[in-house]
């Protein structure tokens, strides 16, 4: 990341919502989503917000560098039907080393539909393989391939808390 990326940087991205970015298209195989109204899906709104941040960062990245989102904290407050235009305004509110923090607001033709913050870091991966795939198996958080994690019960039997399942935690060092 170049040192030209500074707090205060702003960017505006506009997008016309097509029908295939509505709730029923988010997970077509999910019957519950098929029964929902055709309005801009929260999942797609979050992606649109990330897209605006990526565009804002692009001129400040080194060749071959991309951006990886690490935290998203947004609210979706209004429904947007297909055909409306959503305008996303992002403003850099923090640069800490290689980590950036962005304030985001999305508005449709009528009102604010979402706002919040997101953060991310530049990423250079020559093979485009996610870091968790490149880790040796002993450092993989899910344990060795094909092995189920051993669990231990940490609460009293179910009878103590009627209707509540017991809480299980992994045995051993979970946070390696």
N, C-alpha and C. Protein backbone atom coordinates (compact mmCIF):
# COMPACT_ATOMS: atom_id res chain seq x y z
N UNK A 1 0.85 -1.17 0.00
CA UNK A 1 0.00 0.00 0.00
C UNK A 1 0.89 1.23 0.00
N UNK A 2 0.54 2.16 -0.86
CA UNK A 2 1.31 3.40 -0.94
C UNK A 2 0.97 4.31 0.24
N UNK A 3 1.86 5.22 0.54
CA UNK A 3 1.63 6.15 1.64
C UNK A 3 0.67 7.27 1.29
N UNK A 4 0.14 7.24 0.07
CA UNK A 4 -0.81 8.27 -0.35
C UNK A 4 -2.21 8.03 0.21
N UNK A 5 -2.45 6.83 0.73
CA UNK A 5 -3.75 6.53 1.33
C UNK A 5 -3.80 7.15 2.72
N UNK A 6 -4.61 8.17 2.88
CA UNK A 6 -4.66 8.96 4.11
C UNK A 6 -6.08 9.05 4.65
N UNK A 7 -6.19 9.33 5.93
CA UNK A 7 -7.48 9.60 6.56
C UNK A 7 -8.12 10.79 5.85
N UNK A 8 -9.40 10.71 5.60
CA UNK A 8 -10.12 11.78 4.91
C UNK A 8 -10.41 11.49 3.46
N UNK A 9 -9.74 10.49 2.87
CA UNK A 9 -9.98 10.13 1.48
C UNK A 9 -11.45 9.72 1.32
N UNK A 10 -12.10 10.26 0.29
CA UNK A 10 -13.51 9.94 0.04
C UNK A 10 -13.69 9.40 -1.36
N UNK A 11 -14.74 8.59 -1.52
CA UNK A 11 -15.06 8.02 -2.82
C UNK A 11 -16.57 7.79 -2.89
N UNK A 12 -17.13 7.95 -4.08
CA UNK A 12 -18.57 7.73 -4.30
C UNK A 12 -18.72 6.69 -5.41
N UNK A 13 -19.57 5.71 -5.16
CA UNK A 13 -19.85 4.66 -6.14
C UNK A 13 -21.36 4.56 -6.31
N UNK A 14 -21.84 4.53 -7.55
CA UNK A 14 -23.27 4.39 -7.80
C UNK A 14 -23.54 3.07 -8.50
N UNK A 15 -24.73 2.52 -8.24
CA UNK A 15 -25.09 1.20 -8.77
C UNK A 15 -26.60 1.12 -8.91
N UNK A 16 -27.06 0.73 -10.09
CA UNK A 16 -28.49 0.51 -10.32
C UNK A 16 -28.79 -0.92 -9.93
N UNK A 17 -29.75 -1.12 -9.04
CA UNK A 17 -30.06 -2.45 -8.51
C UNK A 17 -30.85 -3.26 -9.54
N UNK A 18 -30.25 -4.36 -10.04
CA UNK A 18 -31.00 -5.24 -10.95
C UNK A 18 -31.82 -6.24 -10.14
N UNK A 19 -32.76 -6.90 -10.79
CA UNK A 19 -33.60 -7.87 -10.09
C UNK A 19 -32.79 -9.02 -9.50
N UNK A 20 -31.68 -9.40 -10.17
CA UNK A 20 -30.90 -10.54 -9.67
C UNK A 20 -30.02 -10.22 -8.45
N UNK A 21 -30.17 -9.03 -7.89
CA UNK A 21 -29.48 -8.68 -6.64
C UNK A 21 -30.48 -8.50 -5.51
N UNK A 22 -31.65 -9.13 -5.66
CA UNK A 22 -32.68 -9.08 -4.63
C UNK A 22 -32.62 -10.34 -3.77
N UNK A 23 -33.35 -10.31 -2.67
CA UNK A 23 -33.28 -11.39 -1.68
C UNK A 23 -33.49 -12.78 -2.27
N UNK A 24 -34.49 -13.02 -3.13
CA UNK A 24 -34.67 -14.39 -3.64
C UNK A 24 -33.46 -14.93 -4.41
N UNK A 25 -32.60 -14.06 -4.92
CA UNK A 25 -31.44 -14.50 -5.69
C UNK A 25 -30.20 -14.71 -4.82
N UNK A 26 -30.26 -14.34 -3.54
CA UNK A 26 -29.09 -14.46 -2.68
C UNK A 26 -28.67 -15.92 -2.53
N UNK A 27 -29.61 -16.77 -2.19
CA UNK A 27 -29.39 -18.22 -2.14
C UNK A 27 -30.59 -18.86 -2.84
N UNK A 28 -30.52 -19.04 -4.14
CA UNK A 28 -31.68 -19.56 -4.88
C UNK A 28 -32.16 -20.92 -4.37
N UNK A 29 -31.26 -21.69 -3.78
CA UNK A 29 -31.66 -23.01 -3.28
C UNK A 29 -32.40 -22.96 -1.94
N UNK A 30 -32.44 -21.79 -1.29
CA UNK A 30 -33.10 -21.65 0.00
C UNK A 30 -34.56 -21.24 -0.20
N UNK A 31 -35.47 -22.13 0.15
CA UNK A 31 -36.91 -21.86 -0.02
C UNK A 31 -37.33 -20.62 0.76
N UNK A 32 -36.77 -20.41 1.94
CA UNK A 32 -37.13 -19.24 2.75
C UNK A 32 -36.81 -17.94 2.02
N UNK A 33 -35.70 -17.90 1.29
CA UNK A 33 -35.36 -16.70 0.54
C UNK A 33 -36.30 -16.51 -0.64
N UNK A 34 -36.76 -17.59 -1.25
CA UNK A 34 -37.66 -17.50 -2.40
C UNK A 34 -38.98 -16.85 -2.04
N UNK A 35 -39.35 -16.97 -0.76
CA UNK A 35 -40.63 -16.41 -0.31
C UNK A 35 -40.51 -14.94 0.12
N UNK A 36 -39.31 -14.42 0.14
CA UNK A 36 -39.08 -13.03 0.57
C UNK A 36 -39.38 -12.06 -0.58
N UNK A 37 -39.62 -10.79 -0.26
CA UNK A 37 -39.90 -9.81 -1.32
C UNK A 37 -38.65 -9.52 -2.16
N UNK A 38 -38.88 -9.08 -3.38
CA UNK A 38 -37.78 -8.76 -4.29
C UNK A 38 -37.29 -7.34 -3.99
N UNK A 39 -36.42 -7.24 -2.97
CA UNK A 39 -35.77 -5.98 -2.60
C UNK A 39 -34.27 -6.26 -2.48
N UNK A 40 -33.47 -5.21 -2.60
CA UNK A 40 -32.01 -5.31 -2.54
C UNK A 40 -31.61 -6.08 -1.28
N UNK A 41 -30.88 -7.17 -1.45
CA UNK A 41 -30.50 -8.04 -0.34
C UNK A 41 -29.37 -7.43 0.48
N UNK A 42 -29.42 -7.64 1.78
CA UNK A 42 -28.38 -7.13 2.68
C UNK A 42 -27.00 -7.67 2.27
N UNK A 43 -26.93 -8.93 1.92
CA UNK A 43 -25.65 -9.51 1.50
C UNK A 43 -25.06 -8.79 0.30
N UNK A 44 -25.90 -8.44 -0.66
CA UNK A 44 -25.43 -7.71 -1.83
C UNK A 44 -25.08 -6.26 -1.46
N UNK A 45 -25.81 -5.67 -0.52
CA UNK A 45 -25.49 -4.30 -0.07
C UNK A 45 -24.10 -4.27 0.57
N UNK A 46 -23.81 -5.25 1.40
CA UNK A 46 -22.48 -5.31 2.03
C UNK A 46 -21.40 -5.46 0.96
N UNK A 47 -21.65 -6.31 -0.03
CA UNK A 47 -20.70 -6.46 -1.13
C UNK A 47 -20.50 -5.17 -1.89
N UNK A 48 -21.59 -4.42 -2.11
CA UNK A 48 -21.50 -3.13 -2.80
C UNK A 48 -20.67 -2.14 -2.00
N UNK A 49 -20.85 -2.14 -0.68
CA UNK A 49 -20.05 -1.26 0.18
C UNK A 49 -18.58 -1.62 0.11
N UNK A 50 -18.27 -2.92 0.14
CA UNK A 50 -16.87 -3.36 0.02
C UNK A 50 -16.30 -2.96 -1.35
N UNK A 51 -17.10 -3.08 -2.39
CA UNK A 51 -16.69 -2.71 -3.74
C UNK A 51 -16.29 -1.23 -3.77
N UNK A 52 -17.08 -0.37 -3.13
CA UNK A 52 -16.76 1.06 -3.09
C UNK A 52 -15.43 1.30 -2.37
N UNK A 53 -15.18 0.57 -1.29
CA UNK A 53 -13.91 0.72 -0.57
C UNK A 53 -12.74 0.25 -1.43
N UNK A 54 -12.93 -0.85 -2.14
CA UNK A 54 -11.87 -1.37 -3.03
C UNK A 54 -11.54 -0.34 -4.10
N UNK A 55 -12.58 0.27 -4.68
CA UNK A 55 -12.35 1.30 -5.69
C UNK A 55 -11.61 2.50 -5.10
N UNK A 56 -11.96 2.88 -3.87
CA UNK A 56 -11.30 4.02 -3.23
C UNK A 56 -9.83 3.73 -2.98
N UNK A 57 -9.52 2.49 -2.62
CA UNK A 57 -8.14 2.11 -2.31
C UNK A 57 -7.28 1.86 -3.55
N UNK A 58 -7.90 1.48 -4.66
CA UNK A 58 -7.18 1.04 -5.86
C UNK A 58 -6.03 1.97 -6.28
N UNK A 59 -6.22 3.29 -6.36
CA UNK A 59 -5.11 4.14 -6.81
C UNK A 59 -3.95 4.20 -5.81
N UNK A 60 -4.18 3.70 -4.61
CA UNK A 60 -3.17 3.79 -3.55
C UNK A 60 -2.52 2.44 -3.26
N UNK A 61 -2.75 1.47 -4.13
CA UNK A 61 -2.18 0.14 -3.96
C UNK A 61 -0.97 -0.04 -4.88
N UNK A 62 -0.07 -0.88 -4.44
CA UNK A 62 1.08 -1.25 -5.26
C UNK A 62 0.61 -2.21 -6.35
N UNK A 63 1.35 -2.32 -7.45
CA UNK A 63 0.99 -3.29 -8.50
C UNK A 63 0.90 -4.70 -7.91
N UNK A 64 -0.15 -5.43 -8.25
CA UNK A 64 -0.33 -6.79 -7.76
C UNK A 64 -0.96 -6.89 -6.39
N UNK A 65 -1.26 -5.75 -5.78
CA UNK A 65 -1.84 -5.74 -4.44
C UNK A 65 -3.36 -5.61 -4.55
N UNK A 66 -4.06 -6.27 -3.66
CA UNK A 66 -5.50 -6.18 -3.59
C UNK A 66 -5.90 -5.86 -2.16
N UNK A 67 -7.19 -5.83 -1.90
CA UNK A 67 -7.68 -5.52 -0.57
C UNK A 67 -8.52 -6.69 -0.05
N UNK A 68 -8.33 -7.03 1.21
CA UNK A 68 -9.08 -8.09 1.85
C UNK A 68 -9.84 -7.50 3.02
N UNK A 69 -11.16 -7.62 3.01
CA UNK A 69 -11.97 -7.12 4.12
C UNK A 69 -11.77 -7.99 5.35
N UNK A 70 -11.66 -7.35 6.51
CA UNK A 70 -11.45 -8.10 7.74
C UNK A 70 -12.53 -7.88 8.78
N UNK A 71 -13.35 -6.84 8.61
CA UNK A 71 -14.43 -6.57 9.56
C UNK A 71 -15.50 -5.74 8.87
N UNK A 72 -16.75 -6.12 9.04
CA UNK A 72 -17.87 -5.35 8.50
C UNK A 72 -18.87 -5.15 9.63
N UNK A 73 -19.26 -3.90 9.84
CA UNK A 73 -20.24 -3.57 10.87
C UNK A 73 -21.21 -2.56 10.27
N UNK A 74 -22.30 -3.07 9.66
CA UNK A 74 -23.25 -2.19 8.99
C UNK A 74 -24.68 -2.53 9.38
N UNK A 75 -25.55 -1.56 9.22
CA UNK A 75 -26.98 -1.77 9.39
C UNK A 75 -27.66 -1.56 8.05
N UNK A 76 -28.72 -2.31 7.82
CA UNK A 76 -29.52 -2.17 6.60
C UNK A 76 -30.89 -1.71 7.06
N UNK A 77 -31.21 -0.45 6.80
CA UNK A 77 -32.38 0.17 7.43
C UNK A 77 -33.58 0.39 6.53
N UNK A 78 -33.44 0.22 5.23
CA UNK A 78 -34.58 0.45 4.33
C UNK A 78 -34.50 -0.47 3.12
N UNK A 79 -35.66 -0.85 2.61
CA UNK A 79 -35.74 -1.72 1.44
C UNK A 79 -35.62 -0.90 0.16
N UNK A 80 -34.90 -1.46 -0.81
CA UNK A 80 -34.72 -0.81 -2.11
C UNK A 80 -35.20 -1.75 -3.20
N UNK A 81 -36.23 -1.37 -3.97
CA UNK A 81 -36.70 -2.25 -5.05
C UNK A 81 -35.75 -2.20 -6.25
N UNK A 82 -35.81 -3.22 -7.10
CA UNK A 82 -34.98 -3.21 -8.31
C UNK A 82 -35.31 -1.99 -9.17
N UNK A 83 -34.28 -1.50 -9.85
CA UNK A 83 -34.46 -0.34 -10.72
C UNK A 83 -34.00 0.95 -10.09
N UNK A 84 -33.94 1.00 -8.76
CA UNK A 84 -33.45 2.20 -8.08
C UNK A 84 -31.92 2.22 -8.12
N UNK A 85 -31.38 3.42 -7.99
CA UNK A 85 -29.92 3.59 -7.94
C UNK A 85 -29.50 3.76 -6.50
N UNK A 86 -28.46 3.02 -6.11
CA UNK A 86 -27.88 3.14 -4.78
C UNK A 86 -26.55 3.87 -4.91
N UNK A 87 -26.37 4.89 -4.09
CA UNK A 87 -25.12 5.65 -4.06
C UNK A 87 -24.42 5.35 -2.74
N UNK A 88 -23.20 4.85 -2.85
CA UNK A 88 -22.41 4.51 -1.66
C UNK A 88 -21.29 5.53 -1.53
N UNK A 89 -21.22 6.17 -0.36
CA UNK A 89 -20.16 7.13 -0.06
C UNK A 89 -19.27 6.51 1.01
N UNK A 90 -17.97 6.44 0.73
CA UNK A 90 -17.03 5.90 1.71
C UNK A 90 -16.00 6.97 2.05
N UNK A 91 -15.57 6.97 3.30
CA UNK A 91 -14.55 7.92 3.75
C UNK A 91 -13.59 7.19 4.66
N UNK A 92 -12.32 7.31 4.37
CA UNK A 92 -11.30 6.66 5.20
C UNK A 92 -11.22 7.41 6.54
N UNK A 93 -11.43 6.67 7.63
CA UNK A 93 -11.38 7.29 8.96
C UNK A 93 -10.23 6.76 9.79
N UNK A 94 -9.44 5.85 9.23
CA UNK A 94 -8.30 5.34 9.97
C UNK A 94 -7.33 4.58 9.10
N UNK A 95 -6.05 4.82 9.32
CA UNK A 95 -4.98 4.06 8.69
C UNK A 95 -4.01 3.70 9.80
N UNK A 96 -3.92 2.41 10.10
CA UNK A 96 -3.03 1.93 11.15
C UNK A 96 -2.10 0.90 10.54
N UNK A 97 -0.89 1.30 10.20
CA UNK A 97 0.01 0.38 9.50
C UNK A 97 -0.58 0.06 8.14
N UNK A 98 -0.88 -1.22 7.92
CA UNK A 98 -1.47 -1.63 6.65
C UNK A 98 -3.00 -1.80 6.76
N UNK A 99 -3.57 -1.57 7.90
CA UNK A 99 -5.02 -1.71 8.11
C UNK A 99 -5.71 -0.37 7.86
N UNK A 100 -6.84 -0.43 7.15
CA UNK A 100 -7.62 0.78 6.90
C UNK A 100 -9.02 0.61 7.48
N UNK A 101 -9.63 1.71 7.91
CA UNK A 101 -10.99 1.70 8.44
C UNK A 101 -11.80 2.74 7.65
N UNK A 102 -13.01 2.34 7.25
CA UNK A 102 -13.84 3.17 6.39
C UNK A 102 -15.21 3.39 7.00
N UNK A 103 -15.69 4.64 6.90
CA UNK A 103 -17.06 4.99 7.26
C UNK A 103 -17.87 4.90 5.97
N UNK A 104 -19.04 4.26 6.02
CA UNK A 104 -19.82 3.99 4.81
C UNK A 104 -21.26 4.44 4.99
N UNK A 105 -21.82 5.00 3.93
CA UNK A 105 -23.25 5.31 3.91
C UNK A 105 -23.80 4.98 2.53
N UNK A 106 -24.91 4.26 2.49
CA UNK A 106 -25.57 3.91 1.22
C UNK A 106 -26.95 4.54 1.20
N UNK A 107 -27.27 5.19 0.09
CA UNK A 107 -28.59 5.83 -0.09
C UNK A 107 -29.17 5.36 -1.41
N UNK A 108 -30.50 5.17 -1.42
CA UNK A 108 -31.16 4.92 -2.70
C UNK A 108 -31.79 6.24 -3.17
N UNK A 109 -32.71 6.18 -4.11
CA UNK A 109 -33.32 7.40 -4.65
C UNK A 109 -34.20 8.11 -3.62
N UNK A 110 -34.51 7.44 -2.50
CA UNK A 110 -35.44 8.00 -1.53
C UNK A 110 -34.78 8.34 -0.20
N UNK A 111 -33.97 7.43 0.34
CA UNK A 111 -33.45 7.61 1.70
C UNK A 111 -32.17 6.82 1.93
N UNK A 112 -31.58 7.01 3.12
CA UNK A 112 -30.42 6.21 3.53
C UNK A 112 -30.90 4.78 3.75
N UNK A 113 -30.21 3.81 3.14
CA UNK A 113 -30.61 2.40 3.30
C UNK A 113 -29.65 1.62 4.18
N UNK A 114 -28.46 2.16 4.41
CA UNK A 114 -27.49 1.46 5.25
C UNK A 114 -26.31 2.34 5.57
N UNK A 115 -25.70 2.04 6.72
CA UNK A 115 -24.49 2.77 7.10
C UNK A 115 -23.71 1.92 8.08
N UNK A 116 -22.44 2.27 8.23
CA UNK A 116 -21.60 1.55 9.17
C UNK A 116 -20.13 1.75 8.88
N UNK A 117 -19.34 0.77 9.29
CA UNK A 117 -17.89 0.83 9.07
C UNK A 117 -17.42 -0.51 8.55
N UNK A 118 -16.28 -0.48 7.90
CA UNK A 118 -15.61 -1.70 7.45
C UNK A 118 -14.12 -1.46 7.55
N UNK A 119 -13.37 -2.52 7.68
CA UNK A 119 -11.91 -2.38 7.69
C UNK A 119 -11.32 -3.49 6.85
N UNK A 120 -10.11 -3.25 6.42
CA UNK A 120 -9.44 -4.22 5.58
C UNK A 120 -7.96 -3.97 5.54
N UNK A 121 -7.27 -4.87 4.86
CA UNK A 121 -5.82 -4.78 4.73
C UNK A 121 -5.43 -5.14 3.31
N UNK A 122 -4.35 -4.56 2.82
CA UNK A 122 -3.86 -4.96 1.50
C UNK A 122 -3.37 -6.40 1.54
N UNK A 123 -3.49 -7.08 0.42
CA UNK A 123 -3.07 -8.47 0.34
C UNK A 123 -2.30 -8.69 -0.95
N UNK A 124 -1.19 -9.36 -0.84
CA UNK A 124 -0.45 -9.79 -2.03
C UNK A 124 -0.26 -11.28 -1.93
N UNK A 125 -0.95 -11.99 -2.78
CA UNK A 125 -0.86 -13.45 -2.78
C UNK A 125 -0.52 -13.88 -4.19
N UNK A 126 0.69 -14.36 -4.41
CA UNK A 126 1.09 -14.69 -5.78
C UNK A 126 0.22 -15.77 -6.41
N UNK A 127 -0.28 -16.68 -5.61
CA UNK A 127 -1.08 -17.76 -6.19
C UNK A 127 -2.57 -17.54 -6.01
N UNK A 128 -2.94 -16.45 -5.37
CA UNK A 128 -4.34 -16.14 -5.04
C UNK A 128 -4.97 -17.23 -4.18
N UNK A 129 -4.16 -17.97 -3.47
CA UNK A 129 -4.65 -19.00 -2.57
C UNK A 129 -4.85 -18.39 -1.20
N UNK A 130 -6.02 -18.59 -0.58
CA UNK A 130 -6.23 -18.03 0.75
C UNK A 130 -5.18 -18.53 1.73
N UNK A 131 -4.83 -17.67 2.70
CA UNK A 131 -3.79 -18.01 3.66
C UNK A 131 -4.10 -19.28 4.43
N UNK A 132 -5.37 -19.53 4.76
CA UNK A 132 -5.69 -20.72 5.54
C UNK A 132 -5.42 -22.00 4.75
N UNK A 133 -5.44 -21.95 3.43
CA UNK A 133 -5.11 -23.13 2.62
C UNK A 133 -3.61 -23.38 2.58
N UNK A 134 -2.80 -22.33 2.75
CA UNK A 134 -1.35 -22.48 2.69
C UNK A 134 -0.76 -22.90 4.03
N UNK A 135 -1.56 -22.85 5.10
CA UNK A 135 -1.05 -23.22 6.42
C UNK A 135 -0.75 -24.70 6.49
N UNK A 136 0.29 -25.07 7.23
CA UNK A 136 0.51 -26.50 7.45
C UNK A 136 -0.66 -27.06 8.27
N UNK A 137 -1.00 -28.33 8.09
CA UNK A 137 -2.17 -28.90 8.77
C UNK A 137 -2.16 -28.72 10.28
N UNK A 138 -0.99 -28.77 10.92
CA UNK A 138 -0.97 -28.65 12.38
C UNK A 138 -1.38 -27.26 12.87
N UNK A 139 -1.39 -26.25 11.98
CA UNK A 139 -1.81 -24.91 12.37
C UNK A 139 -3.23 -24.61 11.91
N UNK A 140 -3.84 -25.50 11.17
CA UNK A 140 -5.18 -25.28 10.68
C UNK A 140 -6.16 -25.36 11.84
N UNK A 141 -7.01 -24.35 12.02
CA UNK A 141 -7.90 -24.28 13.18
C UNK A 141 -8.89 -25.43 13.25
N UNK A 142 -9.15 -26.09 12.15
CA UNK A 142 -10.13 -27.18 12.17
C UNK A 142 -9.47 -28.52 12.47
N UNK A 143 -8.19 -28.54 12.75
CA UNK A 143 -7.51 -29.80 13.04
C UNK A 143 -7.06 -30.47 11.76
N UNK A 144 -6.61 -31.72 11.90
CA UNK A 144 -6.13 -32.44 10.72
C UNK A 144 -7.30 -32.84 9.84
N UNK A 145 -6.99 -33.05 8.57
CA UNK A 145 -8.03 -33.41 7.61
C UNK A 145 -8.77 -34.67 8.06
N UNK A 146 -10.09 -34.61 7.93
CA UNK A 146 -10.90 -35.77 8.22
C UNK A 146 -11.09 -36.08 9.70
N UNK A 147 -10.45 -35.35 10.57
CA UNK A 147 -10.57 -35.64 11.99
C UNK A 147 -11.60 -34.72 12.62
N UNK A 148 -12.52 -35.30 13.35
CA UNK A 148 -13.50 -34.48 14.06
C UNK A 148 -12.86 -33.97 15.34
N UNK A 149 -13.18 -32.76 15.67
CA UNK A 149 -12.65 -32.17 16.89
C UNK A 149 -13.32 -32.82 18.11
N UNK A 150 -12.52 -33.20 19.11
CA UNK A 150 -13.08 -33.75 20.33
C UNK A 150 -13.67 -32.62 21.16
N UNK A 151 -14.84 -32.85 21.72
CA UNK A 151 -15.53 -31.82 22.49
C UNK A 151 -15.76 -32.29 23.92
N UNK A 152 -15.85 -31.35 24.82
CA UNK A 152 -16.21 -31.67 26.20
C UNK A 152 -17.36 -30.78 26.63
N UNK A 153 -18.22 -31.31 27.45
CA UNK A 153 -19.37 -30.57 27.95
C UNK A 153 -18.90 -29.68 29.09
N UNK A 154 -19.31 -28.40 29.08
CA UNK A 154 -18.88 -27.51 30.15
C UNK A 154 -20.03 -27.02 31.02
N UNK A 155 -21.25 -27.40 30.68
CA UNK A 155 -22.40 -27.02 31.50
C UNK A 155 -23.02 -28.28 32.09
N UNK A 156 -23.82 -28.13 33.13
CA UNK A 156 -24.50 -29.28 33.70
C UNK A 156 -25.39 -29.96 32.66
N UNK A 157 -25.87 -31.17 32.96
CA UNK A 157 -26.75 -31.87 32.02
C UNK A 157 -27.96 -31.02 31.65
N UNK A 158 -28.57 -31.34 30.54
CA UNK A 158 -29.68 -30.58 29.98
C UNK A 158 -30.82 -30.38 30.96
N UNK A 159 -31.04 -31.32 31.88
CA UNK A 159 -32.16 -31.21 32.81
C UNK A 159 -32.06 -29.95 33.68
N UNK A 160 -30.86 -29.45 33.91
CA UNK A 160 -30.67 -28.27 34.74
C UNK A 160 -31.26 -27.03 34.08
N UNK A 161 -31.17 -26.95 32.77
CA UNK A 161 -31.70 -25.83 32.01
C UNK A 161 -32.69 -26.36 30.98
N UNK A 162 -33.94 -26.56 31.36
CA UNK A 162 -34.92 -27.16 30.44
C UNK A 162 -35.00 -26.39 29.12
N UNK A 163 -34.97 -27.15 28.04
CA UNK A 163 -35.11 -26.56 26.71
C UNK A 163 -33.84 -25.98 26.14
N UNK A 164 -32.74 -25.98 26.90
CA UNK A 164 -31.49 -25.42 26.40
C UNK A 164 -30.49 -26.53 26.13
N UNK A 165 -29.82 -26.47 25.00
CA UNK A 165 -28.80 -27.48 24.72
C UNK A 165 -27.55 -27.20 25.56
N UNK A 166 -26.76 -28.23 25.85
CA UNK A 166 -25.52 -27.99 26.59
C UNK A 166 -24.51 -27.26 25.71
N UNK A 167 -23.58 -26.58 26.32
CA UNK A 167 -22.54 -25.87 25.60
C UNK A 167 -21.31 -26.75 25.54
N UNK A 168 -20.74 -26.89 24.36
CA UNK A 168 -19.56 -27.70 24.18
C UNK A 168 -18.40 -26.83 23.74
N UNK A 169 -17.21 -27.12 24.20
CA UNK A 169 -16.00 -26.43 23.79
C UNK A 169 -14.98 -27.47 23.32
N UNK A 170 -14.09 -27.10 22.41
CA UNK A 170 -13.06 -28.04 21.98
C UNK A 170 -12.08 -28.35 23.11
N UNK A 171 -11.57 -29.56 23.11
CA UNK A 171 -10.55 -29.95 24.07
C UNK A 171 -9.19 -29.56 23.48
N UNK A 172 -8.34 -29.00 24.28
CA UNK A 172 -7.02 -28.62 23.80
C UNK A 172 -6.95 -27.15 23.48
N UNK A 173 -5.88 -26.76 22.85
CA UNK A 173 -5.64 -25.36 22.55
C UNK A 173 -6.35 -25.01 21.25
N UNK A 174 -7.48 -24.33 21.35
CA UNK A 174 -8.27 -23.96 20.18
C UNK A 174 -7.62 -22.84 19.39
N UNK A 175 -7.00 -21.89 20.07
CA UNK A 175 -6.41 -20.72 19.42
C UNK A 175 -4.92 -20.91 19.25
N UNK A 176 -4.53 -21.75 18.31
CA UNK A 176 -3.10 -21.96 18.06
C UNK A 176 -2.52 -20.84 17.27
